[in-house]
Amino acid sequence: MPDSRRRRGLLPALLPALLPAMLLAWCAVPPAAHAELVLTATRLIYHAAALDARIGVRNVGTQPALMQAWIDDGNAQAKPQDMHVPFVVTPPMARIDPAQSQTLSVVFTGDTALPRRRESLFWLNVLDIPPEPTRRAGADYIQFAVRTRIKLVYRPSALHASPAQAMRWLRWSERCGSGRCVLEVHNPTPYDMPIVELRPAGQGGAAPRPLQGTVRPFASRRWAVPGARPVRSVRYDVIDDDGGFVHGSADPAHTP
């Protein structure tokens, strides 16, 4: 079996040949569209010391499906052949029969040096291209390709704590004025913090709609909170590496 250096040396050379084959235009997905290809996880963590990161794709439908996979750096509208990311995903295209699975392997090529003291965020795209339906004479049809897009997190070897531990270090504050309040959280850790449900409490009246958003490493994020009365506390859920929810709570500091 080739070692990691040999693998990483071959993949950059193959990348230009793979990308043209990956190019297909994807369609906007209406509410009625249904994906037959299902990923086995909601996020993919790439540990820097590993040779690759793997995820399964299963066809839960009744017909064969053509799968196309690629990685982007955050621009969801960019075309696969225009991507310049230090990763290769194999296979870039594959047919998956009903009730069958395909394993995707993501390999870091090393073409671009990534930060060693914080996580880097990319996105894995899987396009589900259904087979062309049997045509009836004079009948029209619309065919949709459904795209699934999940986070690909590159985690350097120097990071030793877990995101579940690091979420306890989040610092919350709130500033109110001119009839509105703004809730802010600062992330002093090297981990991405995907907050999927943030619930301010203590304003009185109806509970505000839950908020959400990812807080990048060593960065802050703000949310506008309805009303001008300060919140007493916040409760929030952060997604862990396995896709589960870790619950947290805090009392925000209030600044004039």
Protein backbone atom coordinates (compact mmCIF):
# COMPACT_ATOMS: atom_id res chain seq x y z
CA MET A 1 0.00 0.00 0.00
CA PRO A 2 1.47 3.41 -0.94
CA ASP A 3 2.45 5.70 1.91
CA SER A 4 0.78 9.06 2.54
CA ARG A 5 3.50 11.06 0.80
CA ARG A 6 3.15 9.09 -2.40
CA ARG A 7 -0.64 9.36 -2.31
CA ARG A 8 -0.55 13.09 -1.77
CA GLY A 9 1.95 13.48 -4.59
CA LEU A 10 -0.26 11.67 -7.12
CA LEU A 11 -3.57 13.32 -6.25
CA PRO A 12 -2.67 16.91 -7.26
CA ALA A 13 -1.60 15.59 -10.67
CA LEU A 14 -4.92 13.77 -11.11
CA LEU A 15 -7.06 16.70 -9.99
CA PRO A 16 -7.20 18.59 -13.35
CA ALA A 17 -8.31 15.39 -15.07
CA LEU A 18 -11.01 14.66 -12.50
CA LEU A 19 -12.65 18.07 -12.34
CA PRO A 20 -13.99 18.24 -15.93
CA ALA A 21 -15.71 14.90 -15.42
CA MET A 22 -17.32 16.25 -12.25
CA LEU A 23 -18.98 19.21 -13.94
CA LEU A 24 -22.77 19.12 -14.07
CA ALA A 25 -25.15 22.04 -13.58
CA TRP A 26 -27.35 21.64 -10.54
CA CYS A 27 -30.93 22.84 -10.29
CA ALA A 28 -32.73 24.80 -7.60
CA VAL A 29 -34.59 22.29 -5.44
CA PRO A 30 -38.31 22.85 -4.83
CA PRO A 31 -40.03 21.58 -1.67
CA ALA A 32 -41.37 18.55 -3.57
CA ALA A 33 -37.92 17.28 -4.59
CA HIS A 34 -36.70 14.29 -2.63
CA ALA A 35 -33.13 13.04 -2.28
CA GLU A 36 -32.65 9.30 -2.77
CA LEU A 37 -28.97 9.49 -1.75
CA VAL A 38 -28.48 9.83 2.01
CA LEU A 39 -25.19 10.58 3.78
CA THR A 40 -24.33 8.62 6.91
CA ALA A 41 -23.28 11.74 8.87
CA THR A 42 -24.21 15.41 9.07
CA ARG A 43 -20.58 16.62 9.10
CA LEU A 44 -17.14 15.24 8.31
CA ILE A 45 -14.14 15.81 10.57
CA TYR A 46 -10.73 15.52 8.91
CA HIS A 47 -8.02 14.86 11.51
CA ALA A 48 -4.69 16.14 10.21
CA ALA A 49 -2.81 12.99 11.23
CA ALA A 50 -5.15 10.73 9.23
CA LEU A 51 -4.58 9.60 5.66
CA ASP A 52 -8.15 10.47 4.74
CA ALA A 53 -11.67 11.06 6.05
CA ARG A 54 -14.52 8.82 4.93
CA ILE A 55 -18.28 9.04 4.76
CA GLY A 56 -20.92 6.70 3.37
CA VAL A 57 -23.59 7.51 0.80
CA ARG A 58 -26.58 5.15 0.58
CA ASN A 59 -29.29 4.92 -2.05
CA VAL A 60 -32.59 4.59 -0.17
CA GLY A 61 -34.67 4.86 -3.33
CA THR A 62 -35.97 2.26 -5.76
CA GLN A 63 -33.94 3.30 -8.83
CA PRO A 64 -30.22 3.65 -9.58
CA ALA A 65 -28.79 7.11 -8.98
CA LEU A 66 -25.74 8.89 -10.34
CA MET A 67 -23.72 10.54 -7.58
CA GLN A 68 -21.38 13.47 -8.11
CA ALA A 69 -19.16 14.73 -5.25
CA TRP A 70 -16.92 17.76 -4.82
CA ILE A 71 -15.62 20.15 -2.15
CA ASP A 72 -15.98 23.92 -1.96
CA ASP A 73 -14.44 26.57 0.29
CA GLY A 74 -17.71 28.26 1.25
CA ASN A 75 -18.92 29.56 -2.12
CA ALA A 76 -21.97 27.39 -2.72
CA GLN A 77 -22.56 28.88 -6.19
CA ALA A 78 -19.09 28.20 -7.62
CA LYS A 79 -18.78 25.44 -10.21
CA PRO A 80 -16.75 22.32 -9.35
CA GLN A 81 -14.09 22.99 -12.01
CA ASP A 82 -13.47 26.45 -10.53
CA MET A 83 -12.69 25.14 -7.04
CA HIS A 84 -9.19 25.54 -5.64
CA VAL A 85 -9.20 23.56 -2.42
CA PRO A 86 -6.46 21.35 -0.92
CA PHE A 87 -8.66 18.25 -0.98
CA VAL A 88 -9.62 15.55 -3.44
CA VAL A 89 -12.74 13.43 -3.03
CA THR A 90 -12.93 9.98 -4.62
CA PRO A 91 -14.83 8.76 -6.42
CA PRO A 92 -15.94 12.09 -7.91
CA MET A 93 -18.75 10.29 -9.73
CA ALA A 94 -20.36 6.89 -9.21
CA ARG A 95 -23.53 4.95 -9.91
CA ILE A 96 -25.26 3.68 -6.78
CA ASP A 97 -27.92 1.01 -7.14
CA PRO A 98 -30.98 0.80 -4.87
CA ALA A 99 -30.18 -0.33 -1.30
CA GLN A 100 -26.45 -0.08 -2.07
CA SER A 101 -23.80 2.23 -0.61
CA GLN A 102 -20.70 4.03 -1.78
CA THR A 103 -17.87 5.24 0.48
CA LEU A 104 -16.43 8.67 -0.27
CA SER A 105 -12.79 9.24 0.65
CA VAL A 106 -11.55 12.80 1.19
CA VAL A 107 -7.77 13.24 1.02
CA PHE A 108 -5.80 16.34 1.99
CA THR A 109 -3.37 17.09 -0.85
CA GLY A 110 -1.20 19.57 1.02
CA ASP A 111 -1.29 22.01 -1.91
CA THR A 112 -2.27 24.81 0.46
CA ALA A 113 -0.95 25.19 3.99
CA LEU A 114 -3.82 25.35 6.45
CA PRO A 115 -3.64 26.98 9.91
CA ARG A 116 -2.14 24.71 12.57
CA ARG A 117 -3.74 26.45 15.58
CA ARG A 118 -7.39 26.50 14.55
CA GLU A 119 -9.90 24.52 12.52
CA SER A 120 -10.50 25.29 8.84
CA LEU A 121 -13.95 25.00 7.32
CA PHE A 122 -14.85 23.57 3.91
CA TRP A 123 -17.99 21.96 2.47
CA LEU A 124 -18.63 18.53 0.97
CA ASN A 125 -21.23 18.46 -1.80
CA VAL A 126 -23.08 15.36 -2.98
CA LEU A 127 -25.33 15.72 -6.03
CA ASP A 128 -28.07 13.12 -6.53
CA ILE A 129 -28.79 12.79 -10.26
CA PRO A 130 -31.82 10.55 -10.86
CA PRO A 131 -32.15 8.40 -13.99
CA GLU A 132 -34.11 9.76 -16.93
CA PRO A 133 -37.73 8.60 -16.60
CA THR A 134 -39.40 6.47 -19.22
CA ARG A 135 -40.99 8.87 -21.70
CA ARG A 136 -44.54 8.57 -22.90
CA ALA A 137 -45.41 10.00 -26.28
CA GLY A 138 -46.38 13.66 -25.92
CA ALA A 139 -45.72 13.74 -22.16
CA ASP A 140 -43.64 16.46 -20.54
CA TYR A 141 -41.60 15.99 -17.37
CA ILE A 142 -39.29 17.92 -15.08
CA GLN A 143 -36.23 16.25 -13.61
CA PHE A 144 -34.44 17.62 -10.54
CA ALA A 145 -30.97 16.93 -9.22
CA VAL A 146 -30.85 17.25 -5.42
CA ARG A 147 -27.70 18.46 -3.72
CA THR A 148 -26.70 17.69 -0.13
CA ARG A 149 -24.02 19.99 1.36
CA ILE A 150 -22.37 19.29 4.71
CA LYS A 151 -19.46 20.81 6.61
CA LEU A 152 -15.96 19.42 6.17
CA VAL A 153 -13.85 20.50 9.17
CA TYR A 154 -10.06 20.18 8.99
CA ARG A 155 -8.72 19.73 12.53
CA PRO A 156 -4.97 20.22 13.13
CA SER A 157 -3.10 17.75 15.32
CA ALA A 158 -2.16 20.49 17.81
CA LEU A 159 -5.77 20.74 19.05
CA HIS A 160 -6.37 18.47 22.04
CA ALA A 161 -9.64 19.55 23.63
CA SER A 162 -13.00 18.61 22.17
CA PRO A 163 -15.62 21.07 20.88
CA ALA A 164 -17.95 19.86 23.65
CA GLN A 165 -15.38 20.95 26.24
CA ALA A 166 -14.52 24.17 24.43
CA MET A 167 -18.14 25.36 24.30
CA ARG A 168 -17.93 26.07 28.03
CA TRP A 169 -15.45 28.83 27.22
CA LEU A 170 -17.86 30.84 25.07
CA ARG A 171 -18.33 34.39 26.39
CA TRP A 172 -21.77 35.96 26.07
CA SER A 173 -22.69 39.64 26.30
CA GLU A 174 -25.58 41.91 25.38
CA ARG A 175 -25.88 45.56 24.48
CA CYS A 176 -29.24 47.39 24.44
CA GLY A 177 -30.00 50.84 23.10
CA SER A 178 -32.27 52.79 20.74
CA GLY A 179 -35.09 50.36 21.28
CA ARG A 180 -33.18 47.20 20.38
CA CYS A 181 -30.85 44.66 21.94
CA VAL A 182 -27.95 42.79 20.37
CA LEU A 183 -26.71 39.50 21.79
CA GLU A 184 -23.06 38.67 21.13
CA VAL A 185 -20.97 35.58 21.70
CA HIS A 186 -17.18 35.46 21.50
CA ASN A 187 -15.41 32.20 20.74
CA PRO A 188 -11.88 32.25 22.23
CA THR A 189 -11.23 28.65 21.13
CA PRO A 190 -9.69 27.16 17.95
CA TYR A 191 -12.90 25.22 17.22
CA ASP A 192 -15.88 26.02 15.02
CA MET A 193 -18.98 26.33 17.19
CA PRO A 194 -22.14 25.40 15.25
CA ILE A 195 -24.99 26.75 17.38
CA VAL A 196 -28.19 25.19 16.07
CA GLU A 197 -30.66 26.61 18.59
CA LEU A 198 -30.13 29.70 20.72
CA ARG A 199 -32.97 30.62 23.09
CA PRO A 200 -32.78 33.94 24.97
CA ALA A 201 -34.88 34.04 28.15
CA GLY A 202 -36.11 36.71 30.54
CA GLN A 203 -37.55 39.37 28.25
CA GLY A 204 -41.14 38.64 29.16
CA GLY A 205 -43.95 38.04 26.72
CA ALA A 206 -43.80 35.37 24.05
CA ALA A 207 -40.55 33.46 23.73
CA PRO A 208 -38.49 34.77 20.80
CA ARG A 209 -37.86 32.56 17.80
CA PRO A 210 -34.74 30.38 18.29
CA LEU A 211 -31.58 31.75 16.64
CA GLN A 212 -28.71 29.85 15.06
CA GLY A 213 -25.34 30.25 13.34
CA THR A 214 -21.72 29.11 13.42
CA VAL A 215 -19.15 31.03 15.45
CA ARG A 216 -15.72 30.74 13.84
CA PRO A 217 -12.52 30.22 15.89
CA PHE A 218 -11.27 33.33 17.72
CA ALA A 219 -14.22 35.32 16.33
CA SER A 220 -17.56 36.74 17.46
CA ARG A 221 -21.12 36.60 16.20
CA ARG A 222 -24.10 38.87 16.89
CA TRP A 223 -27.85 38.38 16.82
CA ALA A 224 -30.53 41.05 17.04
CA VAL A 225 -32.94 40.19 19.87
CA PRO A 226 -36.53 41.46 19.60
CA GLY A 227 -37.42 44.13 22.15
CA ALA A 228 -35.33 46.49 24.21
CA ARG A 229 -35.35 44.59 27.51
CA PRO A 230 -32.16 42.71 28.40
CA VAL A 231 -32.27 38.92 28.55
CA ARG A 232 -31.44 37.23 31.84
CA SER A 233 -29.97 34.06 30.37
CA VAL A 234 -29.43 32.10 27.19
CA ARG A 235 -29.74 28.40 26.47
CA TYR A 236 -28.13 26.94 23.38
CA ASP A 237 -27.28 23.68 21.60
CA VAL A 238 -23.96 23.02 19.87
CA ILE A 239 -23.47 20.13 17.42
CA ASP A 240 -20.68 17.75 18.41
CA ASP A 241 -18.46 15.63 16.13
CA ASP A 242 -21.02 12.83 16.03
CA GLY A 243 -23.91 15.08 15.03
CA GLY A 244 -25.47 15.09 18.50
CA PHE A 245 -26.54 18.12 20.51
CA VAL A 246 -24.55 19.38 23.51
CA HIS A 247 -26.60 21.69 25.73
CA GLY A 248 -25.22 24.85 27.31
CA SER A 249 -26.46 27.90 29.21
CA ALA A 250 -25.02 31.22 30.30
CA ASP A 251 -25.91 34.59 31.83
CA PRO A 252 -24.79 37.32 29.39
CA ALA A 253 -22.82 40.28 30.65
CA HIS A 254 -24.61 43.55 29.93
CA THR A 255 -22.80 46.57 28.58
CA PRO A 256 -24.25 50.09 28.30
